[in-house]
Every structure is written in C-alpha cells, then in structure tokens.
Amino acid sequence: MTIADILQTLKKHLAAELVVLLVVLAGGFVYVSRQTPQYTATAQMFASFNHNVSSGDSKDTPTPGFTQIQSESDYVTSMLGTLPTLVTTPAVLDPVIDQLKLDTTATALASRITIGTSSSYFVNIAVNDTDAQRAADIANAVGESLKTQLSDDSYSSEKTYVLSYLNLSVVKEAVAPGAPSSPNVKSFMFKMALIALVAAACVGMAIDVLDNRLRQMADLQRIADAPVLGTVMKDPEFRADKPVVVANPSGSASESIRRLALNLAFISPDRTNRSNVIVITSSGANEGKTTIAVNLAAALAENGAKVLLIDTDLRKPSVAKHLGLDGTVGLSHLLTGQVSSSEAIQQYWKPNLHILPAGEQTTNPSILINSNAMKTLLDKVSGLYDHIIVDTTPLRVANDAAVFAKDGARMLLVASQGVTIKRQLRDAVQELAMIDVTVVGSVFNQMQARKGGDDYYYYYSYSGKGKGHKGLELPSFGKDKS
C-alpha cells in the first residue's frame, strides 16, 4: 500500500477519525483538569571544602585522617553524591517538620524532595507541594537543616569525620512559584493531540481492514488496476424492464450509460479480431453486470450501431427477463444445433439492436462456452456487428469471461458499491493476472449520491418505443440446420 493509498483510506473514514480525535482530546482534557496542581520551589546552595574543621590551632593543619583524601576538589565532588541520600533521613527532615508544623512524616516528605548536584558544586533542593508558598518554605528549611546536620559536632568524630569537611552555603533562597509545575496543560494536551492523531489513524485503517465491502471508487482502482470507464449512480430507473435510454432517454441514468459507452470506445479504437466483443462480468453475484450489459447495448445501438447482446450466463440467465423477452429459446439451443439463428436471435427496440438470450439452463454450461461452436459464433457475429456485448457468469462462479478474453474479447469488470466483497474482487483480479487476462476497464456501479453533491446534466431528448421481435438470419455454423 502506497502513501497515497493510506491517505485515501484515512480520508474515506474521516468522520470516524474525527470522533476518535475529539474523544481522546476530551478525555485528556478532563483528566488533566482534575489533577491537583503541584508547585515546585527550588533553593540553591553551594558546596565547598570546610577549612574550619581542625584538630590544632593552625587552620592549615589537616585533621587526622585527612591524609587519605587526595585533594579538596576530589573530596567535595565525591561527597556531593551522598547528599540525595542524606537529605531523606529523619535527622534532616524531622526538624523541618517540627519547624513548619507539617502534618506528614519524614518518609512522605522525602518523596517530594529532589536533590540535584553538578560538577560546578551547586546543589539544588527542589520541593513539590500543592501550596506554592509552602513548597518554598520547605525547600529553604531543608537546606538549612542539611547545612546544620553537616556542621553538627557528631560529624566531627573519627567515625564520621569525612562529612565534616563539606560545607553548604545558601546561594539562592526558594521563592513561591507563580505557576504550577504540574500538570503542564499545554505540554500534556500537545502529547494528547499526538496520541489522538495516531489513534484516529489506527482506527481509520482498522475500519478499512475490517470493512470487506467496496466503498469507494479508489478501492476499485487500486484492486482492479484498471481505469474506471464509468460510474453509475444507484437509480430506481435501472429496475425497470427496459434500458434507461429507452424508458427515460433524457434522464441522468441514461447519460451515465452513454458516457460509459463513449469511454469504452476510446479504450480500443482500432478494430482487431474480436476487439468489438465486450465481455461484461463481475467478481460476485448481485453486482449489476446484467443491468450494465443490457443498458450498454441499448446505448451503443441508440446512434445506429449494429449491436448484438448475448446472454452466456447459462447457469442463471437474466437478460431476457431484464428486457421482457421470451428467453426459452436462445444460445444453448443455437450452439447445440436445435434452432437456427433466426429462431434464437430477437430484435429489440431498434432494427439494429439484437438479443440472443441464454435459453434453457444446462447441466454443463462450461462445455458449451468452451466449445468450437461458441468460438465459431463469436467469429461470425464479430464480422456482422459493430459491437457484441457478452453477459457472462460472475468470476467467482466460473471463468467463462476469461475464456472469451483469452480469445481476443475485451473484458469490462463491474463492481458495485456496498455489494462487492473486496476479497473476492482481489482474488478474481489475481486469477486473471495469473492467466494473463487484461481487464480493459471497470464500472463503479450503484454509487450512492453524496449529500449536497447534486449533479446537473443537459440531455438530448430521444424518441422511440421498444418492441421485441425476431429478426436476423446469420450464416450457418456448427450444427445449425437452417
């Protein structure tokens, strides 16, 4: 799937994605708005070597045990690492609790204190609290208590002499912060926006994967890898027992069929062997292939072209029913030599539009479709007509359409919005590619009209009423006795 396909998929499910986006953002806002504001106050101190600790009168004379320390700088640096642990001890925090009369314990207070040290000997004591001023007071009190503990006489004993050489000086007292340090609403909502975008995209992609029906023309283009020659709107006029160009020649449905007929002519303008044979099929049932075949044949015949419509769906014939013709005699009888072409082929609406119904259903239709008699029929009618429209069985049922296409016919694939199953369509296209059959074009059928997207057409008016009757005599072929 390309980036363009992903963007198209996200655009297709934009409504659902917007809902997810708003829900995540709203949830994040509710969560952050219910959080208790926390204020952080920081007191800054400077660590240095304490020269006042001495066992003699001279301050230059080091106390016993100091010879173990290589230098003052190394000593201060090493001792800074002990401060984060020392500041959490009751010895440092209990005096702070007593001084400020805090309703807490040393352990609880320690969880709100952070000590930060650096190579430049600065010590930052940060305290979090729900009250800004109290946070500042605690930070300053902890600094003073830590300094007091380091200078206490108990740290000058031989057992703990090491800490007695570290001195802390207040550089900057903590002040009450003007704004809470957490939650940071802007930062939090920015993160939530990123999460919402990712969640919305995932939902959009998930909906597309779980939706097994064809919803957009872009899906048909991507799967079929063939140009969409026409889009046919879902219109009640297609349910009539007449082609739309006959029932309502000035309607929008008629114009969509005429446009399809015109676009189909541009696909293969040069006449070659059977290039005027147009095979119409679909991946599955109920996708409107017969409706397209019937209406396309009428549209091609409308301007005077000689057209023959053949119903080769011997498993479930429906062309005769669509046109209100008698379909008891047709292709199956003609191929087996039971009737002549004049008895099987009927004229409909105009003298140049002829219909060859499927006839009776047979137990082995593939044998007739693949027979030499069928090939002979197509060879002869392709030289007598401008266009031959062949309505075939869906590809999921049989590969009759592929048989015709392999012999030079052009295949038109019909897919219906909300009806075509994408997996079936994909499987059918892959099978056609495997046997080297090219789909020259596709039709996006039964497309739902979008709200606010009214289209306006200008049509010519056509007159003439359909009238079905027998009419054309073809040269004999196969077992035809006529």
Foldseek 3Di string as FASTA:
>chain_A
DDPVVLVVLLVVPVVQLVVLLVVLLVVLVVVQVPDQFKAKWKWKKFKFFALPQDPDPDSPDHHPPCVVPPDRLVLLVVCLVCVLVVLLDCQLCVVLCVVVVDPDDSNVQSVQWDWDADSRRMIMIMGMDSFQAVRLSSNQSSLVSVQCVLCDPVCCDPVNNSSVGMHMGTDGGIDRDPGGPPPPVVVSSVVSSVVSNVVSSVVSVVVVVPDQFAADPVLVCVQLVAAAQFEAAADPCLVALAACCFVPVFDPRNVRLLSSLVSLCVLDVDDDQQAQEEEFAELDPPLCRLSSLRNNLCSVPQVPFQEEEEELALADWCNCVSNVHDQQAFDVCQLVQNAFPLVQKKDKFDPRYIYGTNHHRDPCSVCSLLDPSVVVVSRFVVVVGSHYYYYYYRVNVDDSVLSSQVVPYAYEYEGERPPDGSVSSNVSSVVSVVVPGHHNHYYYYNHYDDPPDDDDDGGDDDDTHMDMGGDDGTDDDDNHPD
